[in-house]
Amino acid sequence: IFSVVLALSQMDSSHASRLGLMTLAYYTTTALIAASIGIFFITTIQPGTARHLAHSAKNNSQMASTGSIETMDTVLDLLRNMFPDNIFKATFKRVNTQYERNGTNVSKELVDGEGTNILGILVFCMSFGLVTSWLGNQVRVVIDLFIGLDAIIRGWINALMWFAPVGIFSLVCGNLLGVD
């Protein structure tokens, strides 16, 4: 969190649009490559043919018990998670659309799912960093605070990394001693 905010707050505002366009171009290119690879494997492997029917029948029975998932709900969940209503809750929960089947009716409700809402945290940190960059010297105290917090976290992680081999060795030894 501190690194993202600090990087964006110390960046010149004029470079932010260029960096944003480069990021958008990179994301679009990689998404197109991934979609092309997916289409290629779908056409070559052809899931849903006779050899995949047993597996797909199991998945269809699970889908019938929960109701069908709509694409729009998935997109709306993505947008809801991009802008969490509570940034502290976003570190522990994310919003999901849950389907429940009552006879022939399928009802939808928003629930807090388990897991970290990384997307919401990143959007918040990016917007916070861009606003501090835009305000510049008016919020120099906040930028200095994030510089200090970033240095503290980096020092803490560096110290923990020196103890990582001992911790990993202890975990492996504990698992080996537990084997009959």
N, C-alpha and C. Protein backbone atom coordinates (compact mmCIF):
# COMPACT_ATOMS: atom_id res chain seq x y z
N ILE A 1 0.84 -1.19 0.00
CA ILE A 1 0.00 0.00 0.00
C ILE A 1 0.87 1.24 0.00
N PHE A 2 1.85 1.26 0.90
CA PHE A 2 2.69 2.45 1.01
C PHE A 2 3.54 2.65 -0.24
N SER A 3 4.02 1.56 -0.81
CA SER A 3 4.86 1.68 -2.02
C SER A 3 4.07 2.22 -3.20
N VAL A 4 2.84 1.75 -3.38
CA VAL A 4 2.02 2.22 -4.51
C VAL A 4 1.69 3.70 -4.33
N VAL A 5 1.23 4.08 -3.14
CA VAL A 5 0.89 5.48 -2.90
C VAL A 5 2.13 6.35 -3.07
N LEU A 6 3.25 5.90 -2.52
CA LEU A 6 4.48 6.68 -2.60
C LEU A 6 4.97 6.84 -4.03
N ALA A 7 4.92 5.79 -4.79
CA ALA A 7 5.38 5.85 -6.19
C ALA A 7 4.55 6.84 -6.99
N LEU A 8 3.24 6.79 -6.80
CA LEU A 8 2.37 7.69 -7.56
C LEU A 8 2.41 9.12 -7.03
N SER A 9 2.61 9.28 -5.72
CA SER A 9 2.63 10.63 -5.18
C SER A 9 3.90 11.38 -5.55
N GLN A 10 4.98 10.67 -5.79
CA GLN A 10 6.24 11.32 -6.17
C GLN A 10 6.41 11.45 -7.67
N MET A 11 5.43 10.98 -8.43
CA MET A 11 5.51 11.06 -9.88
C MET A 11 4.98 12.41 -10.35
N ASP A 12 5.58 12.93 -11.39
CA ASP A 12 5.11 14.18 -11.97
C ASP A 12 3.74 13.95 -12.61
N SER A 13 2.82 14.84 -12.39
CA SER A 13 1.44 14.68 -12.88
C SER A 13 1.37 14.56 -14.39
N SER A 14 2.30 15.21 -15.10
CA SER A 14 2.26 15.14 -16.56
C SER A 14 2.63 13.75 -17.08
N HIS A 15 3.41 12.99 -16.32
CA HIS A 15 3.80 11.65 -16.73
C HIS A 15 2.72 10.61 -16.43
N ALA A 16 1.77 10.96 -15.58
CA ALA A 16 0.74 9.99 -15.18
C ALA A 16 -0.13 9.57 -16.35
N SER A 17 -0.49 10.51 -17.22
CA SER A 17 -1.35 10.14 -18.35
C SER A 17 -0.60 9.25 -19.33
N ARG A 18 0.67 9.54 -19.56
CA ARG A 18 1.47 8.71 -20.47
C ARG A 18 1.63 7.31 -19.90
N LEU A 19 1.92 7.22 -18.61
CA LEU A 19 2.06 5.91 -17.97
C LEU A 19 0.74 5.15 -17.97
N GLY A 20 -0.37 5.88 -17.76
CA GLY A 20 -1.69 5.23 -17.81
C GLY A 20 -2.00 4.68 -19.18
N LEU A 21 -1.68 5.42 -20.22
CA LEU A 21 -1.92 4.93 -21.59
C LEU A 21 -1.04 3.72 -21.90
N MET A 22 0.20 3.74 -21.44
CA MET A 22 1.08 2.59 -21.66
C MET A 22 0.55 1.36 -20.92
N THR A 23 0.06 1.56 -19.70
CA THR A 23 -0.50 0.46 -18.93
C THR A 23 -1.74 -0.10 -19.61
N LEU A 24 -2.61 0.78 -20.09
CA LEU A 24 -3.81 0.35 -20.79
C LEU A 24 -3.47 -0.42 -22.06
N ALA A 25 -2.48 0.06 -22.81
CA ALA A 25 -2.07 -0.65 -24.03
C ALA A 25 -1.49 -2.03 -23.69
N TYR A 26 -0.68 -2.10 -22.64
CA TYR A 26 -0.10 -3.38 -22.22
C TYR A 26 -1.20 -4.35 -21.80
N TYR A 27 -2.14 -3.87 -20.99
CA TYR A 27 -3.23 -4.73 -20.51
C TYR A 27 -4.09 -5.21 -21.67
N THR A 28 -4.41 -4.33 -22.61
CA THR A 28 -5.23 -4.71 -23.76
C THR A 28 -4.51 -5.74 -24.62
N THR A 29 -3.22 -5.54 -24.84
CA THR A 29 -2.43 -6.48 -25.64
C THR A 29 -2.38 -7.86 -24.99
N THR A 30 -2.09 -7.90 -23.68
CA THR A 30 -2.02 -9.20 -23.00
C THR A 30 -3.38 -9.86 -22.93
N ALA A 31 -4.46 -9.08 -22.79
CA ALA A 31 -5.80 -9.67 -22.77
C ALA A 31 -6.15 -10.27 -24.13
N LEU A 32 -5.77 -9.59 -25.21
CA LEU A 32 -6.03 -10.14 -26.54
C LEU A 32 -5.22 -11.41 -26.79
N ILE A 33 -3.97 -11.42 -26.33
CA ILE A 33 -3.15 -12.63 -26.48
C ILE A 33 -3.78 -13.78 -25.69
N ALA A 34 -4.21 -13.51 -24.46
CA ALA A 34 -4.83 -14.56 -23.64
C ALA A 34 -6.12 -15.07 -24.27
N ALA A 35 -6.93 -14.16 -24.82
CA ALA A 35 -8.17 -14.58 -25.47
C ALA A 35 -7.88 -15.42 -26.70
N SER A 36 -6.85 -15.05 -27.46
CA SER A 36 -6.48 -15.82 -28.65
C SER A 36 -6.02 -17.22 -28.28
N ILE A 37 -5.21 -17.31 -27.24
CA ILE A 37 -4.75 -18.63 -26.79
C ILE A 37 -5.95 -19.46 -26.33
N GLY A 38 -6.87 -18.84 -25.60
CA GLY A 38 -8.06 -19.55 -25.14
C GLY A 38 -8.92 -20.05 -26.29
N ILE A 39 -9.12 -19.21 -27.28
CA ILE A 39 -9.91 -19.62 -28.46
C ILE A 39 -9.21 -20.75 -29.21
N PHE A 40 -7.89 -20.67 -29.32
CA PHE A 40 -7.14 -21.72 -29.99
C PHE A 40 -7.33 -23.06 -29.28
N PHE A 41 -7.20 -23.08 -27.96
CA PHE A 41 -7.33 -24.34 -27.23
C PHE A 41 -8.78 -24.84 -27.20
N ILE A 42 -9.73 -23.94 -27.20
CA ILE A 42 -11.14 -24.36 -27.25
C ILE A 42 -11.43 -25.06 -28.57
N THR A 43 -10.89 -24.51 -29.66
CA THR A 43 -11.16 -25.14 -30.97
C THR A 43 -10.37 -26.43 -31.15
N THR A 44 -9.20 -26.55 -30.55
CA THR A 44 -8.42 -27.78 -30.73
C THR A 44 -8.84 -28.87 -29.75
N ILE A 45 -9.09 -28.55 -28.51
CA ILE A 45 -9.45 -29.57 -27.51
C ILE A 45 -10.94 -29.90 -27.59
N GLN A 46 -11.78 -28.93 -27.91
CA GLN A 46 -13.22 -29.07 -28.04
C GLN A 46 -13.87 -29.70 -26.81
N PRO A 47 -13.88 -28.93 -25.71
CA PRO A 47 -14.59 -29.46 -24.53
C PRO A 47 -16.08 -29.57 -24.83
N GLY A 48 -16.74 -30.54 -24.24
CA GLY A 48 -18.16 -30.77 -24.51
C GLY A 48 -18.40 -31.92 -25.45
N THR A 49 -17.33 -32.48 -26.01
CA THR A 49 -17.50 -33.65 -26.86
C THR A 49 -17.70 -34.87 -25.96
N ALA A 50 -17.80 -36.03 -26.54
CA ALA A 50 -18.16 -37.25 -25.81
C ALA A 50 -17.22 -37.53 -24.64
N ARG A 51 -15.94 -37.28 -24.81
CA ARG A 51 -15.01 -37.61 -23.72
C ARG A 51 -15.13 -36.66 -22.54
N HIS A 52 -15.76 -35.49 -22.74
CA HIS A 52 -15.91 -34.52 -21.67
C HIS A 52 -17.30 -34.53 -21.06
N LEU A 53 -18.21 -35.38 -21.55
CA LEU A 53 -19.60 -35.35 -21.10
C LEU A 53 -19.75 -35.72 -19.64
N ALA A 54 -19.00 -36.68 -19.15
CA ALA A 54 -19.13 -37.08 -17.75
C ALA A 54 -18.75 -35.93 -16.82
N HIS A 55 -17.68 -35.25 -17.16
CA HIS A 55 -17.24 -34.12 -16.34
C HIS A 55 -18.23 -32.96 -16.44
N SER A 56 -18.72 -32.67 -17.64
CA SER A 56 -19.64 -31.53 -17.81
C SER A 56 -21.00 -31.83 -17.21
N ALA A 57 -21.43 -33.11 -17.16
CA ALA A 57 -22.70 -33.43 -16.53
C ALA A 57 -22.66 -33.12 -15.05
N LYS A 58 -21.53 -33.39 -14.42
CA LYS A 58 -21.38 -33.07 -13.00
C LYS A 58 -21.44 -31.55 -12.80
N ASN A 59 -20.78 -30.79 -13.65
CA ASN A 59 -20.79 -29.33 -13.53
C ASN A 59 -22.18 -28.77 -13.79
N ASN A 60 -22.92 -29.34 -14.76
CA ASN A 60 -24.27 -28.87 -15.05
C ASN A 60 -25.21 -29.12 -13.89
N SER A 61 -25.05 -30.25 -13.19
CA SER A 61 -25.92 -30.51 -12.04
C SER A 61 -25.62 -29.53 -10.91
N GLN A 62 -24.34 -29.15 -10.75
CA GLN A 62 -24.01 -28.15 -9.75
C GLN A 62 -24.58 -26.80 -10.14
N MET A 63 -24.54 -26.45 -11.42
CA MET A 63 -25.07 -25.16 -11.88
C MET A 63 -26.58 -25.12 -11.73
N ALA A 64 -27.25 -26.25 -11.98
CA ALA A 64 -28.70 -26.27 -11.85
C ALA A 64 -29.13 -26.06 -10.41
N SER A 65 -28.32 -26.51 -9.46
CA SER A 65 -28.70 -26.34 -8.06
C SER A 65 -28.49 -24.91 -7.58
N THR A 66 -27.61 -24.16 -8.22
CA THR A 66 -27.35 -22.79 -7.78
C THR A 66 -27.97 -21.75 -8.66
N GLY A 67 -28.40 -22.07 -9.86
CA GLY A 67 -28.91 -21.08 -10.80
C GLY A 67 -27.80 -20.66 -11.74
N SER A 68 -28.19 -20.02 -12.84
CA SER A 68 -27.18 -19.64 -13.82
C SER A 68 -26.51 -18.33 -13.42
N ILE A 69 -25.26 -18.22 -13.72
CA ILE A 69 -24.49 -17.02 -13.43
C ILE A 69 -24.59 -16.10 -14.63
N GLU A 70 -24.97 -14.86 -14.40
CA GLU A 70 -25.12 -13.91 -15.48
C GLU A 70 -23.84 -13.09 -15.63
N THR A 71 -23.51 -12.78 -16.88
CA THR A 71 -22.30 -12.02 -17.16
C THR A 71 -22.38 -10.62 -16.55
N MET A 72 -23.55 -10.01 -16.61
CA MET A 72 -23.69 -8.65 -16.07
C MET A 72 -23.42 -8.61 -14.58
N ASP A 73 -23.83 -9.65 -13.85
CA ASP A 73 -23.55 -9.70 -12.41
C ASP A 73 -22.05 -9.78 -12.15
N THR A 74 -21.34 -10.52 -12.99
CA THR A 74 -19.89 -10.62 -12.84
C THR A 74 -19.22 -9.27 -13.08
N VAL A 75 -19.67 -8.55 -14.10
CA VAL A 75 -19.12 -7.22 -14.39
C VAL A 75 -19.45 -6.26 -13.26
N LEU A 76 -20.68 -6.31 -12.76
CA LEU A 76 -21.07 -5.43 -11.66
C LEU A 76 -20.31 -5.75 -10.39
N ASP A 77 -20.03 -7.03 -10.14
CA ASP A 77 -19.20 -7.40 -8.99
C ASP A 77 -17.80 -6.81 -9.13
N LEU A 78 -17.28 -6.85 -10.34
CA LEU A 78 -15.95 -6.27 -10.59
C LEU A 78 -15.96 -4.77 -10.30
N LEU A 79 -16.98 -4.06 -10.77
CA LEU A 79 -17.08 -2.62 -10.51
C LEU A 79 -17.29 -2.32 -9.02
N ARG A 80 -18.12 -3.12 -8.36
CA ARG A 80 -18.33 -2.93 -6.92
C ARG A 80 -17.04 -3.14 -6.15
N ASN A 81 -16.25 -4.12 -6.56
CA ASN A 81 -15.00 -4.38 -5.88
C ASN A 81 -13.94 -3.34 -6.19
N MET A 82 -14.05 -2.66 -7.35
CA MET A 82 -13.09 -1.61 -7.67
C MET A 82 -13.23 -0.42 -6.73
N PHE A 83 -14.46 -0.15 -6.29
CA PHE A 83 -14.73 1.01 -5.44
C PHE A 83 -15.41 0.54 -4.16
N PRO A 84 -14.64 -0.02 -3.22
CA PRO A 84 -15.26 -0.53 -1.99
C PRO A 84 -15.81 0.61 -1.14
N ASP A 85 -16.89 0.33 -0.42
CA ASP A 85 -17.46 1.35 0.44
C ASP A 85 -16.67 1.52 1.72
N ASN A 86 -15.84 0.57 2.08
CA ASN A 86 -14.99 0.66 3.26
C ASN A 86 -13.64 0.06 2.92
N ILE A 87 -12.61 0.89 2.89
CA ILE A 87 -11.29 0.41 2.47
C ILE A 87 -10.70 -0.58 3.48
N PHE A 88 -11.03 -0.44 4.75
CA PHE A 88 -10.51 -1.37 5.75
C PHE A 88 -11.19 -2.74 5.64
N LYS A 89 -12.49 -2.74 5.32
CA LYS A 89 -13.20 -4.00 5.11
C LYS A 89 -12.68 -4.71 3.85
N ALA A 90 -12.19 -3.91 2.88
CA ALA A 90 -11.69 -4.49 1.63
C ALA A 90 -10.43 -5.33 1.85
N THR A 91 -9.75 -5.13 2.97
CA THR A 91 -8.58 -5.96 3.24
C THR A 91 -8.95 -7.37 3.68
N PHE A 92 -10.23 -7.58 4.03
CA PHE A 92 -10.65 -8.90 4.49
C PHE A 92 -11.80 -9.50 3.69
N LYS A 93 -12.60 -8.67 3.04
CA LYS A 93 -13.81 -9.14 2.36
C LYS A 93 -13.91 -8.53 0.97
N ARG A 94 -14.62 -9.23 0.08
CA ARG A 94 -14.97 -8.70 -1.23
C ARG A 94 -16.43 -9.02 -1.51
N VAL A 95 -17.03 -8.24 -2.38
CA VAL A 95 -18.46 -8.37 -2.67
C VAL A 95 -18.65 -9.39 -3.79
N ASN A 96 -19.59 -10.30 -3.59
CA ASN A 96 -19.95 -11.31 -4.59
C ASN A 96 -21.46 -11.38 -4.71
N THR A 97 -21.94 -11.68 -5.90
CA THR A 97 -23.37 -11.94 -6.10
C THR A 97 -23.60 -13.42 -5.84
N GLN A 98 -24.53 -13.70 -4.93
CA GLN A 98 -24.83 -15.09 -4.59
C GLN A 98 -26.23 -15.43 -5.11
N TYR A 99 -26.35 -16.59 -5.72
CA TYR A 99 -27.61 -17.04 -6.29
C TYR A 99 -28.20 -18.11 -5.39
N GLU A 100 -29.52 -18.01 -5.17
CA GLU A 100 -30.23 -19.04 -4.41
C GLU A 100 -31.47 -19.44 -5.19
N ARG A 101 -31.69 -20.74 -5.29
CA ARG A 101 -32.85 -21.26 -6.03
C ARG A 101 -33.91 -21.68 -5.02
N ASN A 102 -35.08 -21.08 -5.18
CA ASN A 102 -36.25 -21.45 -4.37
C ASN A 102 -37.32 -21.99 -5.32
N GLY A 103 -37.31 -23.27 -5.51
CA GLY A 103 -38.24 -23.88 -6.48
C GLY A 103 -37.82 -23.49 -7.88
N THR A 104 -38.67 -22.72 -8.55
CA THR A 104 -38.34 -22.27 -9.91
C THR A 104 -37.76 -20.87 -9.93
N ASN A 105 -37.82 -20.17 -8.81
CA ASN A 105 -37.30 -18.81 -8.73
C ASN A 105 -35.83 -18.80 -8.32
N VAL A 106 -35.07 -17.93 -8.95
CA VAL A 106 -33.67 -17.73 -8.58
C VAL A 106 -33.54 -16.32 -8.04
N SER A 107 -33.10 -16.22 -6.80
CA SER A 107 -32.92 -14.90 -6.21
C SER A 107 -31.43 -14.60 -6.11
N LYS A 108 -31.11 -13.31 -6.22
CA LYS A 108 -29.73 -12.86 -6.14
C LYS A 108 -29.59 -11.91 -4.97
N GLU A 109 -28.47 -12.01 -4.28
CA GLU A 109 -28.18 -11.04 -3.24
C GLU A 109 -26.67 -10.82 -3.16
N LEU A 110 -26.30 -9.64 -2.73
CA LEU A 110 -24.89 -9.30 -2.57
C LEU A 110 -24.43 -9.75 -1.19
N VAL A 111 -23.34 -10.51 -1.16
CA VAL A 111 -22.79 -10.98 0.10
C VAL A 111 -21.31 -10.62 0.15
N ASP A 112 -20.80 -10.53 1.36
CA ASP A 112 -19.37 -10.31 1.55
C ASP A 112 -18.68 -11.66 1.53
N GLY A 113 -17.88 -11.90 0.48
CA GLY A 113 -17.15 -13.14 0.36
C GLY A 113 -15.81 -13.07 1.06
N GLU A 114 -15.25 -14.21 1.33
CA GLU A 114 -13.96 -14.27 1.99
C GLU A 114 -12.86 -13.91 1.00
N GLY A 115 -11.81 -13.33 1.48
CA GLY A 115 -10.66 -13.00 0.65
C GLY A 115 -10.43 -11.50 0.57
N THR A 116 -9.23 -11.14 0.21
CA THR A 116 -8.84 -9.74 0.13
C THR A 116 -9.29 -9.14 -1.19
N ASN A 117 -9.83 -7.94 -1.13
CA ASN A 117 -10.26 -7.21 -2.32
C ASN A 117 -9.06 -6.42 -2.84
N ILE A 118 -8.15 -7.11 -3.51
CA ILE A 118 -6.92 -6.49 -4.00
C ILE A 118 -7.23 -5.37 -4.99
N LEU A 119 -8.21 -5.58 -5.85
CA LEU A 119 -8.55 -4.58 -6.85
C LEU A 119 -9.00 -3.28 -6.20
N GLY A 120 -9.84 -3.36 -5.20
CA GLY A 120 -10.31 -2.16 -4.50
C GLY A 120 -9.20 -1.44 -3.78
N ILE A 121 -8.31 -2.20 -3.17
CA ILE A 121 -7.18 -1.59 -2.47
C ILE A 121 -6.26 -0.89 -3.47
N LEU A 122 -5.99 -1.52 -4.61
CA LEU A 122 -5.13 -0.89 -5.61
C LEU A 122 -5.75 0.36 -6.21
N VAL A 123 -7.05 0.33 -6.49
CA VAL A 123 -7.71 1.52 -7.03
C VAL A 123 -7.66 2.65 -6.01
N PHE A 124 -7.89 2.34 -4.73
CA PHE A 124 -7.82 3.37 -3.70
C PHE A 124 -6.40 3.94 -3.60
N CYS A 125 -5.40 3.06 -3.56
CA CYS A 125 -4.01 3.53 -3.43
C CYS A 125 -3.59 4.36 -4.64
N MET A 126 -4.00 3.93 -5.83
CA MET A 126 -3.65 4.69 -7.04
C MET A 126 -4.31 6.06 -7.03
N SER A 127 -5.58 6.13 -6.68
CA SER A 127 -6.25 7.43 -6.66
C SER A 127 -5.69 8.32 -5.56
N PHE A 128 -5.38 7.75 -4.40
CA PHE A 128 -4.79 8.51 -3.31
C PHE A 128 -3.42 9.05 -3.72
N GLY A 129 -2.61 8.21 -4.35
CA GLY A 129 -1.28 8.64 -4.80
C GLY A 129 -1.36 9.70 -5.89
N LEU A 130 -2.29 9.56 -6.82
CA LEU A 130 -2.43 10.55 -7.89
C LEU A 130 -2.90 11.90 -7.34
N VAL A 131 -3.82 11.88 -6.38
CA VAL A 131 -4.28 13.13 -5.79
C VAL A 131 -3.16 13.80 -5.01
N THR A 132 -2.37 13.03 -4.26
CA THR A 132 -1.25 13.64 -3.53
C THR A 132 -0.20 14.17 -4.50
N SER A 133 -0.01 13.51 -5.62
CA SER A 133 0.91 14.02 -6.64
C SER A 133 0.40 15.32 -7.21
N TRP A 134 -0.89 15.40 -7.44
CA TRP A 134 -1.50 16.58 -8.01
C TRP A 134 -1.41 17.77 -7.04
N LEU A 135 -1.61 17.50 -5.73
CA LEU A 135 -1.55 18.57 -4.74
C LEU A 135 -0.12 18.99 -4.40
N GLY A 136 0.83 18.08 -4.58
CA GLY A 136 2.24 18.42 -4.44
C GLY A 136 2.64 18.89 -3.06
N ASN A 137 3.21 20.10 -2.98
CA ASN A 137 3.76 20.62 -1.72
C ASN A 137 2.70 20.92 -0.68
N GLN A 138 1.45 21.03 -1.06
CA GLN A 138 0.39 21.28 -0.08
C GLN A 138 0.25 20.12 0.89
N VAL A 139 0.56 18.91 0.44
CA VAL A 139 0.43 17.72 1.28
C VAL A 139 1.79 17.06 1.49
N ARG A 140 2.83 17.86 1.56
CA ARG A 140 4.19 17.32 1.70
C ARG A 140 4.32 16.48 2.97
N VAL A 141 3.59 16.85 4.02
CA VAL A 141 3.64 16.10 5.28
C VAL A 141 3.14 14.67 5.06
N VAL A 142 2.08 14.52 4.28
CA VAL A 142 1.53 13.20 4.01
C VAL A 142 2.52 12.38 3.19
N ILE A 143 3.15 13.01 2.21
CA ILE A 143 4.14 12.30 1.38
C ILE A 143 5.32 11.87 2.24
N ASP A 144 5.78 12.75 3.15
CA ASP A 144 6.88 12.39 4.05
C ASP A 144 6.47 11.25 4.98
N LEU A 145 5.21 11.25 5.43
CA LEU A 145 4.72 10.15 6.26
C LEU A 145 4.79 8.83 5.50
N PHE A 146 4.36 8.83 4.24
CA PHE A 146 4.40 7.60 3.45
C PHE A 146 5.84 7.18 3.14
N ILE A 147 6.74 8.14 2.98
CA ILE A 147 8.15 7.80 2.79
C ILE A 147 8.68 7.07 4.01
N GLY A 148 8.36 7.58 5.20
CA GLY A 148 8.79 6.93 6.44
C GLY A 148 8.17 5.56 6.63
N LEU A 149 6.85 5.45 6.38
CA LEU A 149 6.18 4.16 6.55
C LEU A 149 6.70 3.13 5.56
N ASP A 150 6.98 3.56 4.33
CA ASP A 150 7.54 2.66 3.33
C ASP A 150 8.92 2.17 3.76
N ALA A 151 9.73 3.06 4.31
CA ALA A 151 11.07 2.66 4.78
C ALA A 151 10.97 1.68 5.94
N ILE A 152 10.02 1.91 6.84
CA ILE A 152 9.83 1.00 7.98
C ILE A 152 9.42 -0.38 7.50
N ILE A 153 8.45 -0.45 6.60
CA ILE A 153 7.98 -1.75 6.10
C ILE A 153 9.09 -2.47 5.35
N ARG A 154 9.84 -1.74 4.52
CA ARG A 154 10.95 -2.38 3.80
C ARG A 154 12.01 -2.92 4.75
N GLY A 155 12.32 -2.15 5.79
CA GLY A 155 13.29 -2.63 6.79
C GLY A 155 12.79 -3.84 7.53
N TRP A 156 11.51 -3.85 7.85
CA TRP A 156 10.91 -4.98 8.55
C TRP A 156 10.94 -6.23 7.67
N ILE A 157 10.57 -6.09 6.42
CA ILE A 157 10.59 -7.23 5.50
C ILE A 157 12.03 -7.72 5.30
N ASN A 158 12.97 -6.80 5.20
CA ASN A 158 14.37 -7.19 5.04
C ASN A 158 14.85 -8.00 6.24
N ALA A 159 14.48 -7.58 7.45
CA ALA A 159 14.86 -8.33 8.65
C ALA A 159 14.19 -9.70 8.67
N LEU A 160 12.92 -9.75 8.28
CA LEU A 160 12.21 -11.04 8.25
C LEU A 160 12.81 -12.00 7.23
N MET A 161 13.31 -11.46 6.12
CA MET A 161 13.89 -12.32 5.10
C MET A 161 15.17 -13.01 5.59
N TRP A 162 15.87 -12.40 6.54
CA TRP A 162 17.05 -13.06 7.09
C TRP A 162 16.66 -14.27 7.93
N PHE A 163 15.47 -14.26 8.51
CA PHE A 163 15.01 -15.38 9.33
C PHE A 163 14.21 -16.40 8.53
N ALA A 164 13.90 -16.11 7.27
CA ALA A 164 13.09 -17.02 6.46
C ALA A 164 13.74 -18.40 6.30
N PRO A 165 15.05 -18.49 6.03
CA PRO A 165 15.63 -19.85 5.90
C PRO A 165 15.48 -20.68 7.18
N VAL A 166 15.62 -20.05 8.34
CA VAL A 166 15.47 -20.78 9.60
C VAL A 166 14.01 -21.23 9.76
N GLY A 167 13.06 -20.37 9.42
CA GLY A 167 11.65 -20.73 9.52
C GLY A 167 11.27 -21.85 8.57
N ILE A 168 11.75 -21.77 7.34
CA ILE A 168 11.45 -22.82 6.35
C ILE A 168 12.08 -24.14 6.77
N PHE A 169 13.32 -24.09 7.26
CA PHE A 169 14.00 -25.29 7.73
C PHE A 169 13.22 -25.91 8.89
N SER A 170 12.71 -25.08 9.80
CA SER A 170 11.94 -25.59 10.94
C SER A 170 10.64 -26.23 10.48
N LEU A 171 9.96 -25.63 9.51
CA LEU A 171 8.72 -26.21 8.99
C LEU A 171 8.97 -27.55 8.32
N VAL A 172 10.03 -27.64 7.54
CA VAL A 172 10.35 -28.89 6.86
C VAL A 172 10.72 -29.96 7.89
N CYS A 173 11.52 -29.61 8.90
CA CYS A 173 11.89 -30.58 9.93
C CYS A 173 10.66 -31.05 10.70
N GLY A 174 9.75 -30.13 11.01
CA GLY A 174 8.54 -30.51 11.72
C GLY A 174 7.70 -31.50 10.91
N ASN A 175 7.60 -31.28 9.60
CA ASN A 175 6.85 -32.21 8.75
C ASN A 175 7.57 -33.54 8.63
N LEU A 176 8.88 -33.53 8.53
CA LEU A 176 9.63 -34.80 8.45
C LEU A 176 9.51 -35.60 9.74
N LEU A 177 9.54 -34.94 10.87
CA LEU A 177 9.42 -35.66 12.14
C LEU A 177 8.00 -36.21 12.34
N GLY A 178 7.02 -35.63 11.69
CA GLY A 178 5.64 -36.11 11.81
C GLY A 178 5.34 -37.32 10.95
N VAL A 179 6.27 -37.66 10.03
CA VAL A 179 6.06 -38.82 9.14
C VAL A 179 6.42 -40.10 9.89
N ASP A 180 5.56 -41.12 9.77
CA ASP A 180 5.84 -42.41 10.44
C ASP A 180 6.92 -43.17 9.73
